[in-house]
Amino acid sequence: MGDLFRQLKKGGACPNCGCAERYKRRLTSGGGHSPYLLQGLGAFMHYADVVVYADCGLTQFFPEPEARKNVRSNEVWRRI
């Protein structure tokens, strides 16, 4: 887990604009009536914590651990 991930999960300032005001929501991602944002990471239903910074709108998704463990082995996700 990288330093930026830890900073964002703990409540650090936005790396884009420095804003400390952020909002969090748990998102269901499973298709159907929910957006299918975590395709290829395992089970049909996934959950992610979504953090949005109020000033610039930077949005970060933090998938649950069960989904994250599949990102390296799934061809849908490309390392950048």
C-alpha atoms as a PDB file:
ATOM      1  CA  MET A   1       0.000   0.000   0.000  1.00  0.00           C
ATOM      2  CA  GLY A   2       1.573   3.308  -1.076  1.00  0.00           C
ATOM      3  CA  ASP A   3       1.962   6.527   0.849  1.00  0.00           C
ATOM      4  CA  LEU A   4      -0.677   8.364  -1.217  1.00  0.00           C
ATOM      5  CA  PHE A   5      -3.227   5.605  -0.529  1.00  0.00           C
ATOM      6  CA  ARG A   6      -2.562   5.844   3.224  1.00  0.00           C
ATOM      7  CA  GLN A   7      -2.726   9.650   3.136  1.00  0.00           C
ATOM      8  CA  LEU A   8      -6.062   9.696   1.317  1.00  0.00           C
ATOM      9  CA  LYS A   9      -7.609   7.002   3.526  1.00  0.00           C
ATOM     10  CA  LYS A  10      -6.483   8.809   6.700  1.00  0.00           C
ATOM     11  CA  GLY A  11      -7.746  12.218   5.620  1.00  0.00           C
ATOM     12  CA  GLY A  12      -4.728  14.044   4.249  1.00  0.00           C
ATOM     13  CA  ALA A  13      -4.949  17.132   2.103  1.00  0.00           C
ATOM     14  CA  CYS A  14      -5.763  16.692  -1.570  1.00  0.00           C
ATOM     15  CA  PRO A  15      -2.575  16.117  -3.593  1.00  0.00           C
ATOM     16  CA  ASN A  16      -4.107  18.135  -6.446  1.00  0.00           C
ATOM     17  CA  CYS A  17      -5.321  21.345  -4.730  1.00  0.00           C
ATOM     18  CA  GLY A  18      -4.459  21.063  -1.020  1.00  0.00           C
ATOM     19  CA  CYS A  19      -8.113  21.026   0.073  1.00  0.00           C
ATOM     20  CA  ALA A  20      -8.786  19.273   3.385  1.00  0.00           C
ATOM     21  CA  GLU A  21     -12.576  19.165   2.967  1.00  0.00           C
ATOM     22  CA  ARG A  22     -13.563  15.778   1.639  1.00  0.00           C
ATOM     23  CA  TYR A  23     -16.610  13.560   1.481  1.00  0.00           C
ATOM     24  CA  LYS A  24     -16.856   9.776   1.523  1.00  0.00           C
ATOM     25  CA  ARG A  25     -19.494   7.323   0.391  1.00  0.00           C
ATOM     26  CA  ARG A  26     -19.628   3.547   0.059  1.00  0.00           C
ATOM     27  CA  LEU A  27     -20.450   2.627  -3.522  1.00  0.00           C
ATOM     28  CA  THR A  28     -21.890  -0.627  -4.770  1.00  0.00           C
ATOM     29  CA  SER A  29     -20.467  -1.618  -8.121  1.00  0.00           C
ATOM     30  CA  GLY A  30     -22.090  -4.630  -9.623  1.00  0.00           C
ATOM     31  CA  GLY A  31     -23.941  -3.809 -12.809  1.00  0.00           C
ATOM     32  CA  GLY A  32     -27.711  -3.777 -13.116  1.00  0.00           C
ATOM     33  CA  HIS A  33     -28.860  -0.648 -11.318  1.00  0.00           C
ATOM     34  CA  SER A  34     -25.343   0.055 -10.038  1.00  0.00           C
ATOM     35  CA  PRO A  35     -22.417   1.260 -12.133  1.00  0.00           C
ATOM     36  CA  TYR A  36     -20.045  -1.514 -13.186  1.00  0.00           C
ATOM     37  CA  LEU A  37     -16.796   0.221 -12.252  1.00  0.00           C
ATOM     38  CA  LEU A  38     -14.719  -2.633 -10.891  1.00  0.00           C
ATOM     39  CA  GLN A  39     -15.042  -5.076 -13.775  1.00  0.00           C
ATOM     40  CA  GLY A  40     -12.891  -8.172 -13.583  1.00  0.00           C
ATOM     41  CA  LEU A  41     -12.068  -8.005  -9.885  1.00  0.00           C
ATOM     42  CA  GLY A  42     -13.985 -11.059  -8.732  1.00  0.00           C
ATOM     43  CA  ALA A  43     -17.543 -11.497  -7.475  1.00  0.00           C
ATOM     44  CA  PHE A  44     -20.630  -9.930  -9.022  1.00  0.00           C
ATOM     45  CA  MET A  45     -21.070  -7.276  -6.306  1.00  0.00           C
ATOM     46  CA  HIS A  46     -18.175  -5.101  -5.160  1.00  0.00           C
ATOM     47  CA  TYR A  47     -17.976  -2.279  -2.700  1.00  0.00           C
ATOM     48  CA  ALA A  48     -15.628   0.669  -2.752  1.00  0.00           C
ATOM     49  CA  ASP A  49     -15.172   3.694  -0.564  1.00  0.00           C
ATOM     50  CA  VAL A  50     -15.286   6.783  -2.771  1.00  0.00           C
ATOM     51  CA  VAL A  51     -13.617   9.988  -1.584  1.00  0.00           C
ATOM     52  CA  VAL A  52     -14.305  13.358  -3.272  1.00  0.00           C
ATOM     53  CA  TYR A  53     -12.435  16.562  -2.424  1.00  0.00           C
ATOM     54  CA  ALA A  54     -14.776  19.547  -2.305  1.00  0.00           C
ATOM     55  CA  ASP A  55     -12.620  22.177  -4.047  1.00  0.00           C
ATOM     56  CA  CYS A  56     -11.273  20.452  -7.162  1.00  0.00           C
ATOM     57  CA  GLY A  57     -13.431  17.320  -7.289  1.00  0.00           C
ATOM     58  CA  LEU A  58     -10.545  14.847  -7.270  1.00  0.00           C
ATOM     59  CA  THR A  59     -12.208  11.477  -6.797  1.00  0.00           C
ATOM     60  CA  GLN A  60     -10.515   8.359  -5.471  1.00  0.00           C
ATOM     61  CA  PHE A  61     -11.961   4.827  -5.360  1.00  0.00           C
ATOM     62  CA  PHE A  62     -10.753   2.399  -2.681  1.00  0.00           C
ATOM     63  CA  PRO A  63     -12.077  -1.091  -3.539  1.00  0.00           C
ATOM     64  CA  GLU A  64     -12.517  -3.618  -0.760  1.00  0.00           C
ATOM     65  CA  PRO A  65      -9.507  -5.902  -0.176  1.00  0.00           C
ATOM     66  CA  GLU A  66     -11.170  -8.928  -1.809  1.00  0.00           C
ATOM     67  CA  ALA A  67     -11.492  -7.021  -5.093  1.00  0.00           C
ATOM     68  CA  ARG A  68      -8.031  -5.405  -4.919  1.00  0.00           C
ATOM     69  CA  LYS A  69      -6.243  -8.742  -4.746  1.00  0.00           C
ATOM     70  CA  ASN A  70      -7.366  -9.567  -8.313  1.00  0.00           C
ATOM     71  CA  VAL A  71      -6.183  -6.399 -10.063  1.00  0.00           C
ATOM     72  CA  ARG A  72      -2.711  -7.757 -10.921  1.00  0.00           C
ATOM     73  CA  SER A  73      -3.966 -10.978 -12.497  1.00  0.00           C
ATOM     74  CA  ASN A  74      -6.917  -9.681 -14.535  1.00  0.00           C
ATOM     75  CA  GLU A  75      -6.379  -8.615 -18.166  1.00  0.00           C
ATOM     76  CA  VAL A  76      -9.052  -5.884 -17.945  1.00  0.00           C
ATOM     77  CA  TRP A  77      -6.729  -3.790 -15.741  1.00  0.00           C
ATOM     78  CA  ARG A  78      -3.458  -2.483 -17.198  1.00  0.00           C
ATOM     79  CA  ARG A  79      -0.515  -1.299 -15.134  1.00  0.00           C
ATOM     80  CA  ILE A  80       0.472   2.290 -15.937  1.00  0.00           C
END
